[in-house]
Amino acid sequence: MAILSSLVLVFASLFSALLAYRQPAKLTADSKTIASIITLCAIFISLSALIPIFFQASGEQQDIFRLMLQNLQQYLAIPLLCSVFLSISFNRTFTKATWGRWSLVLLASFELCRRAEVGEAYSTGLVVISSALILFSVFFKRPNKTAADYLTAGVAAASYSAAMLLFSSSSLLDLSNLMAFNLCLSIALIALGLHFGKRLITE
């Protein structure tokens, strides 16, 4: 079941990225930048999800590679994705260079906290802050919201919060569960893709 949930997460990650490109018209340059970052995050999440399938054997090299992919998902892809959705909710756009610098800040912050031996506190803070950002982003006031918008927003916020706060490796209630995490994050990614995909600006 863990492997099946990993495959579901791979599909959901890539599908959420495709939703950014599924538009009635051509995306603007700024929207293409956002879509490309969403795609990059989806790839990192997918690679991390494939760990239980292709890296079952133990060994120093396998463990290092496994840890690297897990860190890319937890400390780069997921917080970067939250940042992108927050920027969409505010209708703000940034250049690729700016997003690149922000990515370096995220990675550097993790490394500094790890070396300062406060990595666990950083991880816990990250899941709490990212959950709050997603909740704020999906319900941020904008005109002409439909019942479907509120539904996808609610599903996205609830499933993302469950994945991060309850079932992630930094669970606040010691309920860490890989299968539940994968399934909740899968639901969240698809709901977020549906919710924010329609808000990308086209020409």
N, C-alpha and C. Protein backbone atom coordinates (compact mmCIF):
# COMPACT_ATOMS: atom_id res chain seq x y z
N MET A 1 0.82 -1.21 0.00
CA MET A 1 0.00 0.00 0.00
C MET A 1 0.86 1.26 0.00
N ALA A 2 2.02 1.19 0.66
CA ALA A 2 2.90 2.36 0.69
C ALA A 2 3.40 2.68 -0.71
N ILE A 3 3.72 1.63 -1.47
CA ILE A 3 4.18 1.84 -2.85
C ILE A 3 3.06 2.41 -3.70
N LEU A 4 1.85 1.91 -3.52
CA LEU A 4 0.70 2.42 -4.27
C LEU A 4 0.45 3.89 -3.94
N SER A 5 0.55 4.25 -2.68
CA SER A 5 0.34 5.65 -2.29
C SER A 5 1.44 6.54 -2.88
N SER A 6 2.64 6.00 -3.02
CA SER A 6 3.74 6.75 -3.63
C SER A 6 3.45 7.00 -5.11
N LEU A 7 2.93 5.99 -5.79
CA LEU A 7 2.57 6.16 -7.20
C LEU A 7 1.44 7.17 -7.37
N VAL A 8 0.50 7.16 -6.44
CA VAL A 8 -0.59 8.14 -6.47
C VAL A 8 -0.03 9.55 -6.32
N LEU A 9 0.95 9.72 -5.43
CA LEU A 9 1.56 11.04 -5.23
C LEU A 9 2.33 11.49 -6.47
N VAL A 10 3.01 10.56 -7.12
CA VAL A 10 3.71 10.90 -8.37
C VAL A 10 2.72 11.40 -9.41
N PHE A 11 1.62 10.67 -9.59
CA PHE A 11 0.60 11.06 -10.55
C PHE A 11 0.01 12.42 -10.18
N ALA A 12 -0.34 12.61 -8.92
CA ALA A 12 -0.97 13.86 -8.47
C ALA A 12 -0.03 15.04 -8.66
N SER A 13 1.25 14.85 -8.38
CA SER A 13 2.24 15.92 -8.53
C SER A 13 2.33 16.37 -9.98
N LEU A 14 2.48 15.41 -10.87
CA LEU A 14 2.61 15.75 -12.29
C LEU A 14 1.31 16.30 -12.86
N PHE A 15 0.18 15.77 -12.40
CA PHE A 15 -1.12 16.26 -12.87
C PHE A 15 -1.35 17.70 -12.43
N SER A 16 -0.95 18.02 -11.20
CA SER A 16 -1.11 19.39 -10.71
C SER A 16 -0.27 20.36 -11.52
N ALA A 17 0.90 19.90 -11.98
CA ALA A 17 1.74 20.75 -12.83
C ALA A 17 1.08 20.96 -14.20
N LEU A 18 0.48 19.90 -14.73
CA LEU A 18 -0.20 20.02 -16.03
C LEU A 18 -1.38 20.99 -15.96
N LEU A 19 -2.03 21.07 -14.80
CA LEU A 19 -3.17 21.97 -14.65
C LEU A 19 -2.77 23.43 -14.85
N ALA A 20 -1.51 23.75 -14.54
CA ALA A 20 -1.03 25.13 -14.71
C ALA A 20 -0.96 25.50 -16.19
N TYR A 21 -0.74 24.50 -17.05
CA TYR A 21 -0.62 24.76 -18.49
C TYR A 21 -1.94 24.55 -19.22
N ARG A 22 -2.92 24.00 -18.53
CA ARG A 22 -4.22 23.72 -19.18
C ARG A 22 -5.07 24.99 -19.14
N GLN A 23 -4.84 25.86 -20.11
CA GLN A 23 -5.49 27.16 -20.15
C GLN A 23 -6.19 27.36 -21.50
N PRO A 24 -7.24 28.20 -21.52
CA PRO A 24 -7.96 28.45 -22.77
C PRO A 24 -7.15 29.28 -23.77
N ALA A 25 -6.11 29.96 -23.27
CA ALA A 25 -5.28 30.79 -24.14
C ALA A 25 -3.82 30.65 -23.70
N LYS A 26 -2.93 31.29 -24.45
CA LYS A 26 -1.50 31.19 -24.17
C LYS A 26 -1.16 31.93 -22.89
N LEU A 27 -0.32 31.33 -22.07
CA LEU A 27 0.11 31.96 -20.83
C LEU A 27 1.03 33.15 -21.11
N THR A 28 0.94 34.17 -20.25
CA THR A 28 1.87 35.29 -20.35
C THR A 28 3.25 34.83 -19.87
N ALA A 29 4.26 35.67 -20.10
CA ALA A 29 5.62 35.31 -19.69
C ALA A 29 5.70 35.10 -18.18
N ASP A 30 5.04 35.97 -17.41
CA ASP A 30 5.06 35.83 -15.95
C ASP A 30 4.37 34.54 -15.51
N SER A 31 3.25 34.22 -16.16
CA SER A 31 2.53 32.99 -15.81
C SER A 31 3.33 31.75 -16.19
N LYS A 32 4.09 31.85 -17.29
CA LYS A 32 4.95 30.72 -17.68
C LYS A 32 6.03 30.48 -16.63
N THR A 33 6.54 31.57 -16.06
CA THR A 33 7.54 31.43 -14.99
C THR A 33 6.94 30.70 -13.79
N ILE A 34 5.73 31.11 -13.40
CA ILE A 34 5.05 30.46 -12.28
C ILE A 34 4.80 28.99 -12.58
N ALA A 35 4.31 28.71 -13.80
CA ALA A 35 4.02 27.33 -14.18
C ALA A 35 5.28 26.47 -14.18
N SER A 36 6.39 27.05 -14.62
CA SER A 36 7.64 26.29 -14.66
C SER A 36 8.14 25.96 -13.25
N ILE A 37 7.93 26.88 -12.30
CA ILE A 37 8.34 26.63 -10.92
C ILE A 37 7.46 25.56 -10.29
N ILE A 38 6.15 25.63 -10.57
CA ILE A 38 5.23 24.59 -10.08
C ILE A 38 5.66 23.23 -10.62
N THR A 39 6.04 23.19 -11.89
CA THR A 39 6.48 21.94 -12.51
C THR A 39 7.75 21.41 -11.85
N LEU A 40 8.70 22.31 -11.59
CA LEU A 40 9.95 21.91 -10.94
C LEU A 40 9.68 21.33 -9.55
N CYS A 41 8.81 21.98 -8.80
CA CYS A 41 8.44 21.48 -7.47
C CYS A 41 7.77 20.12 -7.57
N ALA A 42 6.90 19.97 -8.58
CA ALA A 42 6.21 18.69 -8.78
C ALA A 42 7.20 17.57 -9.09
N ILE A 43 8.24 17.89 -9.85
CA ILE A 43 9.26 16.89 -10.18
C ILE A 43 10.01 16.46 -8.92
N PHE A 44 10.38 17.43 -8.09
CA PHE A 44 11.09 17.10 -6.84
C PHE A 44 10.22 16.23 -5.93
N ILE A 45 8.94 16.58 -5.83
CA ILE A 45 8.02 15.79 -4.99
C ILE A 45 7.87 14.38 -5.56
N SER A 46 7.78 14.28 -6.88
CA SER A 46 7.65 12.98 -7.53
C SER A 46 8.87 12.11 -7.29
N LEU A 47 10.05 12.71 -7.43
CA LEU A 47 11.29 11.95 -7.21
C LEU A 47 11.37 11.44 -5.78
N SER A 48 10.97 12.28 -4.83
CA SER A 48 10.97 11.85 -3.43
C SER A 48 9.96 10.73 -3.20
N ALA A 49 8.82 10.81 -3.88
CA ALA A 49 7.79 9.78 -3.72
C ALA A 49 8.24 8.43 -4.27
N LEU A 50 9.18 8.45 -5.21
CA LEU A 50 9.65 7.20 -5.82
C LEU A 50 10.66 6.46 -4.95
N ILE A 51 11.09 7.09 -3.86
CA ILE A 51 12.11 6.48 -3.00
C ILE A 51 11.73 5.07 -2.53
N PRO A 52 10.50 4.86 -2.00
CA PRO A 52 10.15 3.51 -1.52
C PRO A 52 10.14 2.45 -2.62
N ILE A 53 10.03 2.89 -3.87
CA ILE A 53 9.93 1.95 -4.98
C ILE A 53 11.31 1.53 -5.48
N PHE A 54 12.22 2.51 -5.64
CA PHE A 54 13.51 2.24 -6.27
C PHE A 54 14.69 2.20 -5.30
N PHE A 55 14.46 2.58 -4.05
CA PHE A 55 15.58 2.62 -3.10
C PHE A 55 15.23 1.85 -1.84
N GLN A 56 14.89 0.59 -2.01
CA GLN A 56 14.55 -0.25 -0.87
C GLN A 56 15.79 -0.81 -0.19
N ALA A 57 16.85 -1.00 -0.95
CA ALA A 57 18.09 -1.55 -0.37
C ALA A 57 18.79 -0.48 0.46
N SER A 58 19.48 -0.93 1.49
CA SER A 58 20.22 0.00 2.35
C SER A 58 21.69 0.02 1.94
N GLY A 59 22.34 1.12 2.19
CA GLY A 59 23.73 1.30 1.83
C GLY A 59 24.07 2.77 1.96
N GLU A 60 25.35 3.08 2.10
CA GLU A 60 25.74 4.48 2.34
C GLU A 60 25.31 5.38 1.20
N GLN A 61 25.59 4.99 -0.04
CA GLN A 61 25.24 5.82 -1.19
C GLN A 61 23.73 5.95 -1.34
N GLN A 62 23.02 4.83 -1.17
CA GLN A 62 21.56 4.86 -1.27
C GLN A 62 20.95 5.75 -0.19
N ASP A 63 21.49 5.67 1.02
CA ASP A 63 20.97 6.48 2.12
C ASP A 63 21.20 7.97 1.88
N ILE A 64 22.36 8.31 1.34
CA ILE A 64 22.66 9.71 1.04
C ILE A 64 21.72 10.25 -0.03
N PHE A 65 21.53 9.47 -1.10
CA PHE A 65 20.66 9.89 -2.19
C PHE A 65 19.21 10.00 -1.71
N ARG A 66 18.79 9.03 -0.89
CA ARG A 66 17.43 9.04 -0.33
C ARG A 66 17.21 10.29 0.53
N LEU A 67 18.18 10.61 1.36
CA LEU A 67 18.07 11.78 2.23
C LEU A 67 18.06 13.07 1.41
N MET A 68 18.86 13.11 0.35
CA MET A 68 18.90 14.29 -0.50
C MET A 68 17.54 14.57 -1.14
N LEU A 69 16.90 13.53 -1.67
CA LEU A 69 15.59 13.69 -2.30
C LEU A 69 14.53 14.08 -1.28
N GLN A 70 14.59 13.48 -0.10
CA GLN A 70 13.63 13.83 0.95
C GLN A 70 13.78 15.29 1.38
N ASN A 71 15.03 15.74 1.49
CA ASN A 71 15.28 17.13 1.87
C ASN A 71 14.83 18.10 0.78
N LEU A 72 15.02 17.72 -0.48
CA LEU A 72 14.57 18.58 -1.58
C LEU A 72 13.05 18.75 -1.54
N GLN A 73 12.36 17.68 -1.20
CA GLN A 73 10.90 17.79 -1.10
C GLN A 73 10.48 18.63 0.09
N GLN A 74 11.03 18.29 1.26
CA GLN A 74 10.56 18.89 2.51
C GLN A 74 11.01 20.33 2.69
N TYR A 75 12.25 20.64 2.27
CA TYR A 75 12.81 21.96 2.58
C TYR A 75 12.92 22.89 1.38
N LEU A 76 12.63 22.39 0.19
CA LEU A 76 12.65 23.26 -0.99
C LEU A 76 11.34 23.23 -1.75
N ALA A 77 10.96 22.05 -2.26
CA ALA A 77 9.79 21.97 -3.15
C ALA A 77 8.51 22.42 -2.47
N ILE A 78 8.22 21.90 -1.29
CA ILE A 78 6.95 22.23 -0.63
C ILE A 78 6.88 23.69 -0.19
N PRO A 79 7.90 24.24 0.52
CA PRO A 79 7.82 25.66 0.86
C PRO A 79 7.85 26.58 -0.35
N LEU A 80 8.58 26.19 -1.40
CA LEU A 80 8.60 27.00 -2.62
C LEU A 80 7.23 27.00 -3.28
N LEU A 81 6.58 25.85 -3.29
CA LEU A 81 5.23 25.74 -3.85
C LEU A 81 4.25 26.63 -3.08
N CYS A 82 4.37 26.62 -1.76
CA CYS A 82 3.51 27.49 -0.94
C CYS A 82 3.75 28.95 -1.27
N SER A 83 5.01 29.31 -1.50
CA SER A 83 5.35 30.69 -1.86
C SER A 83 4.73 31.08 -3.19
N VAL A 84 4.75 30.16 -4.14
CA VAL A 84 4.17 30.43 -5.46
C VAL A 84 2.66 30.65 -5.34
N PHE A 85 1.99 29.80 -4.59
CA PHE A 85 0.54 29.95 -4.43
C PHE A 85 0.20 31.25 -3.70
N LEU A 86 1.03 31.65 -2.76
CA LEU A 86 0.81 32.92 -2.06
C LEU A 86 0.96 34.08 -3.03
N SER A 87 1.95 34.02 -3.91
CA SER A 87 2.14 35.10 -4.89
C SER A 87 0.97 35.18 -5.86
N ILE A 88 0.41 34.02 -6.23
CA ILE A 88 -0.76 34.02 -7.12
C ILE A 88 -1.95 34.67 -6.42
N SER A 89 -2.13 34.38 -5.15
CA SER A 89 -3.28 34.93 -4.41
C SER A 89 -3.19 36.44 -4.30
N PHE A 90 -1.97 36.99 -4.28
CA PHE A 90 -1.78 38.44 -4.22
C PHE A 90 -1.63 39.07 -5.61
N ASN A 91 -1.70 38.23 -6.66
CA ASN A 91 -1.49 38.71 -8.03
C ASN A 91 -0.14 39.38 -8.19
N ARG A 92 0.86 38.83 -7.54
CA ARG A 92 2.22 39.35 -7.65
C ARG A 92 3.05 38.40 -8.50
N THR A 93 3.93 38.98 -9.30
CA THR A 93 4.81 38.17 -10.14
C THR A 93 6.26 38.53 -9.85
N PHE A 94 7.12 37.53 -10.00
CA PHE A 94 8.55 37.73 -9.76
C PHE A 94 9.33 37.06 -10.89
N THR A 95 10.55 37.50 -11.10
CA THR A 95 11.38 36.93 -12.15
C THR A 95 11.94 35.58 -11.72
N LYS A 96 12.45 34.84 -12.70
CA LYS A 96 13.06 33.55 -12.37
C LYS A 96 14.26 33.74 -11.45
N ALA A 97 14.99 34.84 -11.65
CA ALA A 97 16.15 35.11 -10.80
C ALA A 97 15.73 35.30 -9.34
N THR A 98 14.61 36.00 -9.14
CA THR A 98 14.11 36.22 -7.78
C THR A 98 13.70 34.90 -7.14
N TRP A 99 13.00 34.07 -7.90
CA TRP A 99 12.60 32.76 -7.37
C TRP A 99 13.83 31.90 -7.09
N GLY A 100 14.85 32.04 -7.94
CA GLY A 100 16.08 31.29 -7.71
C GLY A 100 16.76 31.70 -6.42
N ARG A 101 16.80 33.02 -6.17
CA ARG A 101 17.40 33.50 -4.92
C ARG A 101 16.59 33.04 -3.71
N TRP A 102 15.27 33.04 -3.84
CA TRP A 102 14.43 32.58 -2.74
C TRP A 102 14.66 31.09 -2.46
N SER A 103 14.87 30.33 -3.52
CA SER A 103 15.17 28.90 -3.36
C SER A 103 16.47 28.70 -2.58
N LEU A 104 17.47 29.54 -2.89
CA LEU A 104 18.74 29.45 -2.17
C LEU A 104 18.57 29.82 -0.70
N VAL A 105 17.70 30.81 -0.43
CA VAL A 105 17.41 31.20 0.95
C VAL A 105 16.80 30.03 1.72
N LEU A 106 15.85 29.34 1.08
CA LEU A 106 15.20 28.19 1.73
C LEU A 106 16.21 27.09 2.05
N LEU A 107 17.08 26.79 1.09
CA LEU A 107 18.08 25.75 1.31
C LEU A 107 19.10 26.17 2.37
N ALA A 108 19.52 27.44 2.30
CA ALA A 108 20.50 27.93 3.27
C ALA A 108 19.93 27.95 4.68
N SER A 109 18.65 28.31 4.80
CA SER A 109 18.01 28.34 6.12
C SER A 109 18.00 26.95 6.75
N PHE A 110 17.68 25.95 5.93
CA PHE A 110 17.69 24.58 6.44
C PHE A 110 19.08 24.16 6.88
N GLU A 111 20.08 24.47 6.05
CA GLU A 111 21.45 24.07 6.37
C GLU A 111 21.96 24.76 7.64
N LEU A 112 21.64 26.04 7.79
CA LEU A 112 22.05 26.77 8.99
C LEU A 112 21.41 26.17 10.25
N CYS A 113 20.12 25.88 10.15
CA CYS A 113 19.42 25.30 11.30
C CYS A 113 19.93 23.90 11.62
N ARG A 114 20.27 23.15 10.58
CA ARG A 114 20.80 21.80 10.80
C ARG A 114 22.14 21.86 11.52
N ARG A 115 22.99 22.78 11.08
CA ARG A 115 24.31 22.90 11.71
C ARG A 115 24.22 23.47 13.12
N ALA A 116 23.18 24.27 13.36
CA ALA A 116 22.97 24.83 14.70
C ALA A 116 22.23 23.85 15.60
N GLU A 117 21.96 22.66 15.06
CA GLU A 117 21.28 21.58 15.80
C GLU A 117 19.88 21.98 16.26
N VAL A 118 19.21 22.78 15.42
CA VAL A 118 17.80 23.12 15.67
C VAL A 118 16.97 22.71 14.46
N GLY A 119 17.45 21.69 13.75
CA GLY A 119 16.76 21.23 12.55
C GLY A 119 15.36 20.74 12.81
N GLU A 120 15.16 20.06 13.94
CA GLU A 120 13.83 19.54 14.27
C GLU A 120 12.84 20.68 14.50
N ALA A 121 13.29 21.71 15.22
CA ALA A 121 12.43 22.87 15.46
C ALA A 121 12.12 23.59 14.15
N TYR A 122 13.13 23.67 13.27
CA TYR A 122 12.92 24.31 11.96
C TYR A 122 11.89 23.54 11.15
N SER A 123 11.99 22.22 11.15
CA SER A 123 11.05 21.38 10.40
C SER A 123 9.63 21.56 10.91
N THR A 124 9.49 21.58 12.23
CA THR A 124 8.17 21.76 12.83
C THR A 124 7.60 23.13 12.48
N GLY A 125 8.44 24.15 12.58
CA GLY A 125 7.99 25.50 12.23
C GLY A 125 7.60 25.60 10.78
N LEU A 126 8.34 24.89 9.92
CA LEU A 126 8.06 24.94 8.49
C LEU A 126 6.70 24.36 8.15
N VAL A 127 6.34 23.23 8.76
CA VAL A 127 5.04 22.62 8.45
C VAL A 127 3.90 23.49 8.97
N VAL A 128 4.11 24.13 10.11
CA VAL A 128 3.07 25.01 10.66
C VAL A 128 2.90 26.25 9.79
N ILE A 129 4.01 26.89 9.42
CA ILE A 129 3.95 28.10 8.61
C ILE A 129 3.39 27.81 7.23
N SER A 130 3.84 26.71 6.61
CA SER A 130 3.36 26.39 5.26
C SER A 130 1.86 26.08 5.27
N SER A 131 1.39 25.41 6.31
CA SER A 131 -0.05 25.13 6.42
C SER A 131 -0.84 26.42 6.56
N ALA A 132 -0.31 27.36 7.35
CA ALA A 132 -0.98 28.65 7.52
C ALA A 132 -0.99 29.43 6.20
N LEU A 133 0.11 29.37 5.45
CA LEU A 133 0.19 30.08 4.17
C LEU A 133 -0.81 29.51 3.16
N ILE A 134 -0.92 28.20 3.11
CA ILE A 134 -1.89 27.59 2.20
C ILE A 134 -3.30 27.98 2.58
N LEU A 135 -3.62 27.93 3.87
CA LEU A 135 -4.95 28.32 4.34
C LEU A 135 -5.25 29.76 3.97
N PHE A 136 -4.30 30.65 4.17
CA PHE A 136 -4.49 32.05 3.83
C PHE A 136 -4.63 32.24 2.32
N SER A 137 -3.77 31.55 1.56
CA SER A 137 -3.76 31.73 0.10
C SER A 137 -5.07 31.31 -0.55
N VAL A 138 -5.61 30.17 -0.13
CA VAL A 138 -6.81 29.67 -0.80
C VAL A 138 -8.06 30.46 -0.44
N PHE A 139 -8.05 31.07 0.75
CA PHE A 139 -9.23 31.82 1.18
C PHE A 139 -9.04 33.33 1.12
N PHE A 140 -7.90 33.77 0.57
CA PHE A 140 -7.66 35.21 0.45
C PHE A 140 -8.76 35.85 -0.39
N LYS A 141 -9.25 36.98 0.08
CA LYS A 141 -10.42 37.62 -0.53
C LYS A 141 -10.17 37.96 -1.99
N ARG A 142 -11.05 37.49 -2.85
CA ARG A 142 -11.07 37.89 -4.25
C ARG A 142 -12.50 37.83 -4.74
N PRO A 143 -12.87 38.68 -5.68
CA PRO A 143 -14.27 38.74 -6.13
C PRO A 143 -14.68 37.53 -6.96
N ASN A 144 -15.99 37.35 -7.04
CA ASN A 144 -16.59 36.34 -7.93
C ASN A 144 -16.18 34.91 -7.59
N LYS A 145 -16.02 34.61 -6.32
CA LYS A 145 -15.76 33.22 -5.94
C LYS A 145 -17.04 32.42 -6.01
N THR A 146 -16.95 31.23 -6.60
CA THR A 146 -18.11 30.36 -6.72
C THR A 146 -18.09 29.31 -5.61
N ALA A 147 -19.18 28.54 -5.53
CA ALA A 147 -19.24 27.46 -4.54
C ALA A 147 -18.14 26.43 -4.80
N ALA A 148 -17.84 26.19 -6.09
CA ALA A 148 -16.78 25.25 -6.44
C ALA A 148 -15.42 25.76 -5.97
N ASP A 149 -15.22 27.08 -6.04
CA ASP A 149 -13.96 27.66 -5.56
C ASP A 149 -13.79 27.43 -4.07
N TYR A 150 -14.86 27.64 -3.32
CA TYR A 150 -14.80 27.43 -1.87
C TYR A 150 -14.59 25.96 -1.54
N LEU A 151 -15.18 25.08 -2.35
CA LEU A 151 -15.03 23.64 -2.11
C LEU A 151 -13.58 23.21 -2.33
N THR A 152 -13.00 23.59 -3.47
CA THR A 152 -11.61 23.21 -3.74
C THR A 152 -10.66 23.86 -2.73
N ALA A 153 -10.98 25.08 -2.30
CA ALA A 153 -10.15 25.75 -1.30
C ALA A 153 -10.19 25.00 0.02
N GLY A 154 -11.38 24.58 0.43
CA GLY A 154 -11.52 23.84 1.68
C GLY A 154 -10.81 22.51 1.64
N VAL A 155 -10.98 21.79 0.52
CA VAL A 155 -10.32 20.48 0.37
C VAL A 155 -8.81 20.65 0.37
N ALA A 156 -8.32 21.67 -0.34
CA ALA A 156 -6.88 21.91 -0.42
C ALA A 156 -6.30 22.22 0.95
N ALA A 157 -6.95 23.12 1.67
CA ALA A 157 -6.44 23.52 2.99
C ALA A 157 -6.49 22.36 3.99
N ALA A 158 -7.60 21.63 3.99
CA ALA A 158 -7.76 20.53 4.95
C ALA A 158 -6.78 19.39 4.67
N SER A 159 -6.67 18.99 3.41
CA SER A 159 -5.79 17.87 3.07
C SER A 159 -4.32 18.24 3.24
N TYR A 160 -3.97 19.48 2.88
CA TYR A 160 -2.57 19.90 3.05
C TYR A 160 -2.20 19.95 4.54
N SER A 161 -3.08 20.53 5.35
CA SER A 161 -2.83 20.62 6.79
C SER A 161 -2.72 19.23 7.41
N ALA A 162 -3.58 18.31 6.97
CA ALA A 162 -3.52 16.94 7.49
C ALA A 162 -2.19 16.29 7.13
N ALA A 163 -1.78 16.46 5.87
CA ALA A 163 -0.51 15.88 5.43
C ALA A 163 0.66 16.40 6.24
N MET A 164 0.71 17.71 6.42
CA MET A 164 1.87 18.32 7.07
C MET A 164 1.83 18.21 8.60
N LEU A 165 0.71 18.58 9.17
CA LEU A 165 0.63 18.67 10.64
C LEU A 165 0.42 17.33 11.33
N LEU A 166 -0.22 16.38 10.61
CA LEU A 166 -0.54 15.10 11.24
C LEU A 166 0.35 13.95 10.79
N PHE A 167 0.59 13.84 9.48
CA PHE A 167 1.19 12.62 8.94
C PHE A 167 2.61 12.76 8.40
N SER A 168 3.17 13.96 8.38
CA SER A 168 4.53 14.13 7.87
C SER A 168 5.55 13.64 8.89
N SER A 169 6.80 13.64 8.50
CA SER A 169 7.86 13.24 9.44
C SER A 169 8.02 14.24 10.58
N SER A 170 7.43 15.44 10.41
CA SER A 170 7.46 16.47 11.46
C SER A 170 6.09 16.62 12.11
N SER A 171 5.33 15.55 12.16
CA SER A 171 3.98 15.56 12.72
C SER A 171 3.95 16.15 14.12
N LEU A 172 2.97 17.00 14.36
CA LEU A 172 2.84 17.64 15.68
C LEU A 172 2.29 16.68 16.73
N LEU A 173 1.62 15.61 16.28
CA LEU A 173 0.97 14.69 17.21
C LEU A 173 1.58 13.29 17.17
N ASP A 174 2.78 13.18 16.61
CA ASP A 174 3.46 11.88 16.51
C ASP A 174 2.61 10.84 15.79
N LEU A 175 1.95 11.28 14.73
CA LEU A 175 1.12 10.36 13.93
C LEU A 175 1.74 10.12 12.55
N SER A 176 3.03 10.32 12.44
CA SER A 176 3.71 10.20 11.16
C SER A 176 3.37 8.88 10.47
N ASN A 177 2.90 9.00 9.21
CA ASN A 177 2.48 7.83 8.45
C ASN A 177 2.68 8.14 6.97
N LEU A 178 3.59 7.41 6.33
CA LEU A 178 3.96 7.72 4.95
C LEU A 178 2.78 7.58 4.00
N MET A 179 2.00 6.51 4.14
CA MET A 179 0.88 6.29 3.23
C MET A 179 -0.17 7.40 3.37
N ALA A 180 -0.52 7.74 4.59
CA ALA A 180 -1.50 8.81 4.82
C ALA A 180 -0.97 10.15 4.33
N PHE A 181 0.33 10.38 4.54
CA PHE A 181 0.95 11.62 4.06
C PHE A 181 0.86 11.72 2.54
N ASN A 182 1.23 10.64 1.86
CA ASN A 182 1.20 10.64 0.39
C ASN A 182 -0.21 10.89 -0.14
N LEU A 183 -1.20 10.24 0.44
CA LEU A 183 -2.57 10.38 -0.05
C LEU A 183 -3.12 11.78 0.22
N CYS A 184 -2.89 12.30 1.42
CA CYS A 184 -3.38 13.65 1.75
C CYS A 184 -2.69 14.70 0.89
N LEU A 185 -1.38 14.55 0.70
CA LEU A 185 -0.66 15.52 -0.14
C LEU A 185 -1.10 15.42 -1.59
N SER A 186 -1.43 14.22 -2.05
CA SER A 186 -1.93 14.04 -3.42
C SER A 186 -3.23 14.81 -3.62
N ILE A 187 -4.15 14.66 -2.68
CA ILE A 187 -5.42 15.38 -2.75
C ILE A 187 -5.18 16.88 -2.73
N ALA A 188 -4.27 17.32 -1.85
CA ALA A 188 -3.98 18.75 -1.73
C ALA A 188 -3.41 19.32 -3.02
N LEU A 189 -2.48 18.60 -3.64
CA LEU A 189 -1.84 19.11 -4.85
C LEU A 189 -2.83 19.25 -6.00
N ILE A 190 -3.71 18.27 -6.15
CA ILE A 190 -4.72 18.36 -7.21
C ILE A 190 -5.69 19.50 -6.94
N ALA A 191 -6.15 19.62 -5.69
CA ALA A 191 -7.07 20.70 -5.33
C ALA A 191 -6.42 22.06 -5.51
N LEU A 192 -5.15 22.19 -5.13
CA LEU A 192 -4.43 23.45 -5.31
C LEU A 192 -4.23 23.77 -6.78
N GLY A 193 -3.94 22.73 -7.57
CA GLY A 193 -3.80 22.94 -9.01
C GLY A 193 -5.08 23.43 -9.65
N LEU A 194 -6.20 22.85 -9.24
CA LEU A 194 -7.51 23.28 -9.76
C LEU A 194 -7.84 24.69 -9.30
N HIS A 195 -7.51 25.00 -8.05
CA HIS A 195 -7.87 26.30 -7.47
C HIS A 195 -7.05 27.44 -8.06
N PHE A 196 -5.74 27.23 -8.17
CA PHE A 196 -4.87 28.31 -8.62
C PHE A 196 -4.60 28.30 -10.12
N GLY A 197 -4.78 27.13 -10.76
CA GLY A 197 -4.51 27.05 -12.19
C GLY A 197 -5.34 28.03 -13.00
N LYS A 198 -6.60 28.20 -12.61
CA LYS A 198 -7.50 29.09 -13.34
C LYS A 198 -7.17 30.57 -13.11
N ARG A 199 -6.29 30.85 -12.15
CA ARG A 199 -5.97 32.23 -11.83
C ARG A 199 -4.71 32.72 -12.54
N LEU A 200 -4.06 31.84 -13.28
CA LEU A 200 -2.90 32.28 -14.05
C LEU A 200 -3.36 33.15 -15.21
N ILE A 201 -2.61 34.19 -15.49
CA ILE A 201 -3.00 35.17 -16.51
C ILE A 201 -2.60 34.68 -17.89
N THR A 202 -3.51 34.81 -18.83
CA THR A 202 -3.25 34.42 -20.22
C THR A 202 -3.27 35.65 -21.12
N GLU A 203 -2.73 35.49 -22.32
CA GLU A 203 -2.69 36.61 -23.27
C GLU A 203 -4.04 36.83 -23.92
